[in-house]
């Protein structure tokens, strides 16, 4: 099976069956309408319309790319709407549980190809990483560092995208072809690190695992993307449970933000997955790189860096870039070795 064959299979779904594509979204919408009528919360739609507008774009990005909806929500909330990073983080987890959860149901229903090893090992390790990030690291981080950490993560991810775009002619696979017996180790390490990042900024496990898959294992982006969507949905669900039932932070204004965005993301994320099926890889990467560039410039322009962050930010960025570069080179070497054995 060729790397992108799942895409062609998904396009063979008859047009009359497309209504079933949004069936999970319609069920969630029905439950949301019942609650809104019962609780008389309709005024929130007007009070928080900037939040809803943000997630129109955020949900499309969540379903169409390897970046979660938090990649739009977190920087817009913290920089433009001046919402506290902790609230933006918790909201990102809550809303991705719904939006990317709906997209994940579609991925599983239509049997879109994913890397099952990544879903299993990265998800499990990500849960432990999330707990470590929530209870050990987050209490030590100043508010501005959340914004800086998010920018570093997305900027390094942008570097990975740029590298892969330049090497678009290299062979791509739809499954892990080499190092299968030890794949659990790098996937678990990246999953743990991604869980920490998700605990801090509401995103991370998706594009870190995506980066490992495309740079080291030479997985097709068309397979790595739905894998990252499913990963982010699972990690967001775990984080939502931790904050909602353990810490009790999904309440007040965070709950209101979440409520007004539910009817948007339950359709936006699955629609984003459909859009991804119909646009070229080149345009998709251009779009992502543009978002990352805007995020980087806005952070440099708005966020105030103290002397510690001025040292920490570039060191961490170049360390991540070096790591991804080494992964790419090791992946190319592994690929050549696998070819010689064949």
Protein backbone atom coordinates (compact mmCIF):
# COMPACT_ATOMS: atom_id res chain seq x y z
CA UNK A 1 0.00 0.00 0.00
CA UNK A 2 1.40 3.38 -0.99
CA UNK A 3 1.83 6.05 1.69
CA UNK A 4 -1.06 8.22 0.53
CA UNK A 5 -3.45 5.46 -0.47
CA UNK A 6 -5.69 6.00 2.53
CA UNK A 7 -6.46 9.45 1.16
CA UNK A 8 -7.76 8.06 -2.07
CA UNK A 9 -9.79 5.45 -0.16
CA UNK A 10 -11.42 8.13 1.98
CA UNK A 11 -12.39 10.05 -1.15
CA UNK A 12 -14.24 7.01 -2.44
CA UNK A 13 -16.91 7.43 0.25
CA UNK A 14 -20.16 8.13 -1.66
CA UNK A 15 -21.39 11.69 -1.40
CA UNK A 16 -24.75 10.53 -0.03
CA UNK A 17 -22.93 9.03 2.96
CA UNK A 18 -21.15 12.27 3.86
CA UNK A 19 -23.94 13.07 6.33
CA UNK A 20 -22.64 10.22 8.48
CA UNK A 21 -19.29 11.99 8.53
CA UNK A 22 -20.84 14.58 10.85
CA UNK A 23 -23.09 12.21 12.78
CA UNK A 24 -21.04 12.41 16.02
CA UNK A 25 -21.09 16.20 15.71
CA UNK A 26 -24.88 16.22 15.33
CA UNK A 27 -25.28 14.08 18.46
CA UNK A 28 -23.06 16.43 20.47
CA UNK A 29 -24.93 19.43 19.06
CA UNK A 30 -28.23 17.96 20.25
CA UNK A 31 -26.90 17.52 23.79
CA UNK A 32 -25.47 21.06 23.72
CA UNK A 33 -28.82 22.54 22.64
CA UNK A 34 -30.64 20.73 25.45
CA UNK A 35 -28.20 22.12 28.02
CA UNK A 36 -28.31 25.66 26.62
CA UNK A 37 -32.12 25.72 26.73
CA UNK A 38 -32.24 24.22 30.22
CA UNK A 39 -29.52 26.47 31.70
CA UNK A 40 -30.57 29.61 29.75
CA UNK A 41 -26.99 30.37 28.72
CA UNK A 42 -27.68 31.92 25.31
CA UNK A 43 -26.35 35.32 26.40
CA UNK A 44 -22.86 33.82 26.56
CA UNK A 45 -22.79 33.59 22.76
CA UNK A 46 -22.85 37.39 22.55
CA UNK A 47 -20.67 37.99 25.59
CA UNK A 48 -17.82 35.82 24.31
CA UNK A 49 -18.08 36.09 20.52
CA UNK A 50 -14.31 36.77 20.11
CA UNK A 51 -13.65 33.36 21.70
CA UNK A 52 -16.01 31.65 19.27
CA UNK A 53 -14.51 33.48 16.29
CA UNK A 54 -11.02 32.36 17.32
CA UNK A 55 -12.10 28.74 17.39
CA UNK A 56 -13.61 28.91 13.91
CA UNK A 57 -10.02 29.03 12.67
CA UNK A 58 -8.66 26.93 15.52
CA UNK A 59 -10.98 24.00 14.84
CA UNK A 60 -10.18 23.98 11.12
CA UNK A 61 -6.45 23.94 11.89
CA UNK A 62 -7.01 21.18 14.46
CA UNK A 63 -8.65 18.85 11.97
CA UNK A 64 -6.51 19.66 8.94
CA UNK A 65 -3.02 19.74 10.42
CA UNK A 66 -0.74 18.18 13.00
CA UNK A 67 -1.22 21.20 15.25
CA UNK A 68 -4.11 21.10 17.69
CA UNK A 69 -6.72 23.80 18.08
CA UNK A 70 -4.71 25.09 21.01
CA UNK A 71 -2.08 26.23 18.51
CA UNK A 72 -4.53 28.98 17.54
CA UNK A 73 -6.35 29.41 20.84
CA UNK A 74 -3.36 29.77 23.17
CA UNK A 75 -1.48 32.59 21.38
CA UNK A 76 -4.66 34.51 20.48
CA UNK A 77 -6.05 34.22 24.00
CA UNK A 78 -2.85 35.20 25.78
CA UNK A 79 -1.62 37.93 23.41
CA UNK A 80 -4.65 39.52 21.76
CA UNK A 81 -7.44 38.85 24.26
CA UNK A 82 -5.14 39.11 27.32
CA UNK A 83 -6.49 35.97 28.95
CA UNK A 84 -4.35 34.37 31.64
CA UNK A 85 -2.14 31.55 30.28
CA UNK A 86 -3.51 29.08 32.82
CA UNK A 87 -7.09 29.70 31.63
CA UNK A 88 -6.03 29.52 27.97
CA UNK A 89 -4.25 26.23 28.65
CA UNK A 90 -7.21 24.64 30.43
CA UNK A 91 -9.63 25.87 27.78
CA UNK A 92 -7.42 24.42 25.03
CA UNK A 93 -7.55 21.01 26.69
CA UNK A 94 -11.31 21.17 27.18
CA UNK A 95 -12.17 22.29 23.67
CA UNK A 96 -9.76 19.87 21.97
CA UNK A 97 -11.44 17.05 23.86
CA UNK A 98 -14.63 17.86 21.95
CA UNK A 99 -13.31 19.07 18.59
CA UNK A 100 -10.44 16.69 18.03
CA UNK A 101 -12.48 13.97 19.67
CA UNK A 102 -15.10 14.40 16.93
CA UNK A 103 -12.38 14.36 14.28
CA UNK A 104 -10.89 11.21 15.85
CA UNK A 105 -14.23 9.41 15.64
CA UNK A 106 -14.30 10.20 11.93
CA UNK A 107 -10.71 8.94 11.52
CA UNK A 108 -11.58 5.66 13.21
CA UNK A 109 -14.95 5.28 11.48
CA UNK A 110 -13.48 5.62 7.99
CA UNK A 111 -10.41 3.58 8.96
CA UNK A 112 -8.04 6.31 7.92
CA UNK A 113 -4.53 4.94 8.26
CA UNK A 114 -2.68 5.82 11.45
CA UNK A 115 0.47 4.60 13.20
CA UNK A 116 -0.97 2.43 15.97
CA UNK A 117 2.35 2.14 17.83
CA UNK A 118 2.48 5.92 18.18
CA UNK A 119 -1.09 6.09 19.46
CA UNK A 120 -0.45 3.43 22.10
CA UNK A 121 3.04 4.24 23.39
CA UNK A 122 2.98 8.03 23.03
CA UNK A 123 -0.49 8.27 24.59
CA UNK A 124 0.41 6.20 27.65
CA UNK A 125 3.70 8.03 28.20
CA UNK A 126 1.93 11.33 27.53
CA UNK A 127 -0.39 10.75 30.49
CA UNK A 128 2.58 10.42 32.85
CA UNK A 129 4.22 13.44 31.23
CA UNK A 130 1.05 15.45 31.70
CA UNK A 131 0.98 14.65 35.41
CA UNK A 132 4.66 15.61 35.76
CA UNK A 133 4.10 18.87 33.91
CA UNK A 134 0.98 19.74 35.89
CA UNK A 135 2.21 19.02 39.40
CA UNK A 136 6.01 19.42 39.18
CA UNK A 137 6.84 21.94 36.46
CA UNK A 138 3.84 24.26 36.02
CA UNK A 139 3.94 25.61 39.62
CA UNK A 140 7.53 26.78 39.03
CA UNK A 141 6.93 28.64 35.74
CA UNK A 142 6.19 32.40 35.59
CA UNK A 143 3.25 33.44 33.41
CA UNK A 144 5.36 34.91 30.59
CA UNK A 145 7.32 31.68 30.26
CA UNK A 146 4.20 29.87 29.08
CA UNK A 147 4.02 32.13 26.03
CA UNK A 148 7.75 31.81 25.38
CA UNK A 149 7.70 28.01 25.73
CA UNK A 150 4.80 27.77 23.30
CA UNK A 151 6.63 29.92 20.75
CA UNK A 152 9.80 27.82 21.05
CA UNK A 153 7.84 24.62 20.47
CA UNK A 154 6.00 25.93 17.42
CA UNK A 155 9.13 27.56 15.97
CA UNK A 156 11.10 24.33 16.23
CA UNK A 157 8.17 22.48 14.69
CA UNK A 158 8.22 25.01 11.86
CA UNK A 159 11.86 24.16 11.29
CA UNK A 160 10.92 20.49 10.97
CA UNK A 161 8.22 21.35 8.44
CA UNK A 162 10.69 23.41 6.45
CA UNK A 163 13.22 20.56 6.42
CA UNK A 164 10.63 18.04 5.31
CA UNK A 165 9.35 20.39 2.63
CA UNK A 166 12.85 20.67 1.20
CA UNK A 167 13.18 16.88 1.16
CA UNK A 168 9.75 16.20 -0.29
CA UNK A 169 11.21 13.83 -2.87
CA UNK A 170 12.44 11.35 -0.25
CA UNK A 171 10.63 8.03 0.19
CA UNK A 172 7.64 8.06 2.53
CA UNK A 173 6.00 5.14 4.28
CA UNK A 174 2.56 4.46 5.71
CA UNK A 175 3.91 2.33 8.56
CA UNK A 176 7.09 2.01 10.61
CA UNK A 177 9.48 0.02 8.42
CA UNK A 178 12.62 -0.15 10.57
CA UNK A 179 13.35 -0.28 14.29
CA UNK A 180 9.92 -1.77 14.94
CA UNK A 181 11.04 -3.77 17.97
CA UNK A 182 12.46 -0.72 19.72
CA UNK A 183 9.93 1.83 18.44
CA UNK A 184 8.24 1.88 21.84
CA UNK A 185 11.26 3.67 23.36
CA UNK A 186 11.51 6.81 21.17
CA UNK A 187 7.73 7.03 20.95
CA UNK A 188 7.44 6.85 24.74
CA UNK A 189 10.18 9.44 25.29
CA UNK A 190 8.60 11.86 22.84
CA UNK A 191 5.16 11.12 24.29
CA UNK A 192 6.36 11.89 27.81
CA UNK A 193 7.94 15.17 26.68
CA UNK A 194 4.82 15.99 24.69
CA UNK A 195 2.66 15.34 27.73
CA UNK A 196 4.71 17.84 29.73
CA UNK A 197 4.30 20.44 26.97
CA UNK A 198 0.56 19.79 26.78
CA UNK A 199 0.27 20.27 30.53
CA UNK A 200 1.94 23.68 30.24
CA UNK A 201 0.43 25.19 27.07
CA UNK A 202 -2.37 22.85 25.98
CA UNK A 203 -0.44 21.45 23.00
CA UNK A 204 2.71 19.52 22.30
CA UNK A 205 2.26 15.78 22.11
CA UNK A 206 0.71 16.07 18.67
CA UNK A 207 3.42 17.92 16.77
CA UNK A 208 6.32 16.42 18.74
CA UNK A 209 5.18 12.91 17.83
CA UNK A 210 4.44 14.08 14.29
CA UNK A 211 8.00 15.41 14.07
CA UNK A 212 9.45 12.08 15.22
CA UNK A 213 7.36 10.14 12.72
CA UNK A 214 8.22 12.25 9.68
CA UNK A 215 11.87 12.97 10.47
CA UNK A 216 13.09 9.66 11.90
CA UNK A 217 10.67 7.07 10.54
CA UNK A 218 9.98 8.86 7.23
CA UNK A 219 6.24 8.44 7.66
CA UNK A 220 4.02 10.21 5.15
CA UNK A 221 2.51 13.44 6.46
CA UNK A 222 -0.85 12.12 5.28
CA UNK A 223 -0.52 9.31 7.82
CA UNK A 224 1.29 11.22 10.57
CA UNK A 225 -1.37 13.97 10.61
CA UNK A 226 -4.40 11.81 11.55
CA UNK A 227 -2.15 9.99 14.01
CA UNK A 228 -1.31 13.30 15.71
CA UNK A 229 -5.00 14.30 15.76
CA UNK A 230 -5.91 11.09 17.57
CA UNK A 231 -2.99 11.52 19.97
CA UNK A 232 -3.96 15.07 20.84
CA UNK A 233 -7.58 14.08 21.40
CA UNK A 234 -6.56 11.34 23.85
CA UNK A 235 -4.07 13.53 25.72
CA UNK A 236 -6.55 16.41 25.84
CA UNK A 237 -9.22 14.07 27.22
CA UNK A 238 -6.85 12.93 29.95
CA UNK A 239 -5.88 16.53 30.74
CA UNK A 240 -9.51 17.62 30.73
CA UNK A 241 -10.31 14.87 33.24
CA UNK A 242 -7.41 15.92 35.47
CA UNK A 243 -8.41 19.58 35.47
CA UNK A 244 -12.15 18.96 35.56
CA UNK A 245 -12.48 16.19 38.13
CA UNK A 246 -9.23 16.39 40.10
CA UNK A 247 -8.21 20.05 40.17
CA UNK A 248 -11.64 21.58 39.51
CA UNK A 249 -10.25 24.27 37.19
CA UNK A 250 -12.80 23.75 34.37
CA UNK A 251 -15.26 26.16 35.93
CA UNK A 252 -16.33 29.79 35.85
CA UNK A 253 -15.14 31.69 32.80
CA UNK A 254 -13.21 28.68 31.47
CA UNK A 255 -16.43 26.67 31.34
CA UNK A 256 -18.24 29.57 29.65
CA UNK A 257 -15.54 29.82 26.98
CA UNK A 258 -15.77 26.09 26.41
CA UNK A 259 -19.55 26.18 26.18
CA UNK A 260 -19.74 28.85 23.46
CA UNK A 261 -17.19 27.05 21.28
CA UNK A 262 -18.62 23.53 21.35
CA UNK A 263 -21.03 23.98 18.38
CA UNK A 264 -18.17 25.42 16.33
CA UNK A 265 -15.41 22.90 16.94
CA UNK A 266 -17.59 19.80 16.58
CA UNK A 267 -18.09 20.74 12.93
CA UNK A 268 -14.88 22.71 12.33
CA UNK A 269 -12.45 19.90 13.22
CA UNK A 270 -14.09 17.20 11.02
CA UNK A 271 -14.45 19.80 8.26
CA UNK A 272 -10.75 20.56 8.61
CA UNK A 273 -10.00 16.88 8.04
CA UNK A 274 -12.06 17.03 4.83
CA UNK A 275 -10.24 20.17 3.70
CA UNK A 276 -6.91 18.43 4.31
CA UNK A 277 -8.04 15.75 1.86
CA UNK A 278 -8.54 18.31 -0.91
CA UNK A 279 -5.60 20.70 -0.65
CA UNK A 280 -2.04 20.10 -1.72
CA UNK A 281 0.76 19.31 0.69
CA UNK A 282 2.60 22.43 -0.49
CA UNK A 283 -0.28 24.78 0.35
CA UNK A 284 -0.84 23.07 3.69
CA UNK A 285 2.80 23.56 4.69
CA UNK A 286 2.79 27.17 3.47
CA UNK A 287 -0.25 27.82 5.65
CA UNK A 288 1.33 26.24 8.72
CA UNK A 289 4.62 28.08 8.27
CA UNK A 290 2.72 31.36 7.95
CA UNK A 291 0.92 30.73 11.24
CA UNK A 292 4.17 29.82 12.97
CA UNK A 293 5.89 32.94 11.63
CA UNK A 294 3.05 35.15 12.91
CA UNK A 295 3.27 33.44 16.29
CA UNK A 296 7.04 33.99 16.46
CA UNK A 297 6.91 37.65 15.43
CA UNK A 298 4.04 38.42 17.81
CA UNK A 299 5.92 36.89 20.74
CA UNK A 300 9.07 38.86 19.99
CA UNK A 301 6.97 42.02 19.64
CA UNK A 302 4.60 41.66 22.61
CA UNK A 303 6.20 39.48 25.29
CA UNK A 304 8.78 40.97 27.60
CA UNK A 305 11.85 38.77 28.01
CA UNK A 306 13.79 38.88 31.27
CA UNK A 307 17.49 38.01 31.29
CA UNK A 308 16.81 34.36 32.14
CA UNK A 309 14.35 33.86 29.28
CA UNK A 310 16.72 35.64 26.88
CA UNK A 311 19.22 32.88 27.55
CA UNK A 312 16.77 30.02 27.98
CA UNK A 313 14.68 30.64 24.83
CA UNK A 314 17.42 30.51 22.16
CA UNK A 315 19.24 27.65 23.91
CA UNK A 316 16.08 25.52 24.00
CA UNK A 317 15.21 26.43 20.43
CA UNK A 318 18.58 25.45 19.00
CA UNK A 319 18.61 22.30 21.14
CA UNK A 320 15.25 21.23 19.66
CA UNK A 321 16.38 22.14 16.14
CA UNK A 322 19.56 20.10 16.60
CA UNK A 323 17.54 17.18 17.94
CA UNK A 324 15.17 17.19 14.95
CA UNK A 325 18.09 17.54 12.54
CA UNK A 326 19.84 14.54 14.10
CA UNK A 327 16.61 12.54 13.97
CA UNK A 328 16.30 13.29 10.28
CA UNK A 329 19.87 12.19 9.56
CA UNK A 330 19.48 9.04 11.64
CA UNK A 331 16.24 8.27 9.85
CA UNK A 332 17.92 8.62 6.46
CA UNK A 333 20.70 6.30 7.60
CA UNK A 334 18.21 3.75 8.89
CA UNK A 335 16.31 3.94 5.61
CA UNK A 336 19.46 3.27 3.58
CA UNK A 337 20.36 0.35 5.84
CA UNK A 338 16.87 -1.12 5.42
CA UNK A 339 17.14 -0.82 1.64
CA UNK A 340 20.52 -2.56 1.61
CA UNK A 341 19.10 -5.46 3.63
CA UNK A 342 16.21 -5.80 1.20
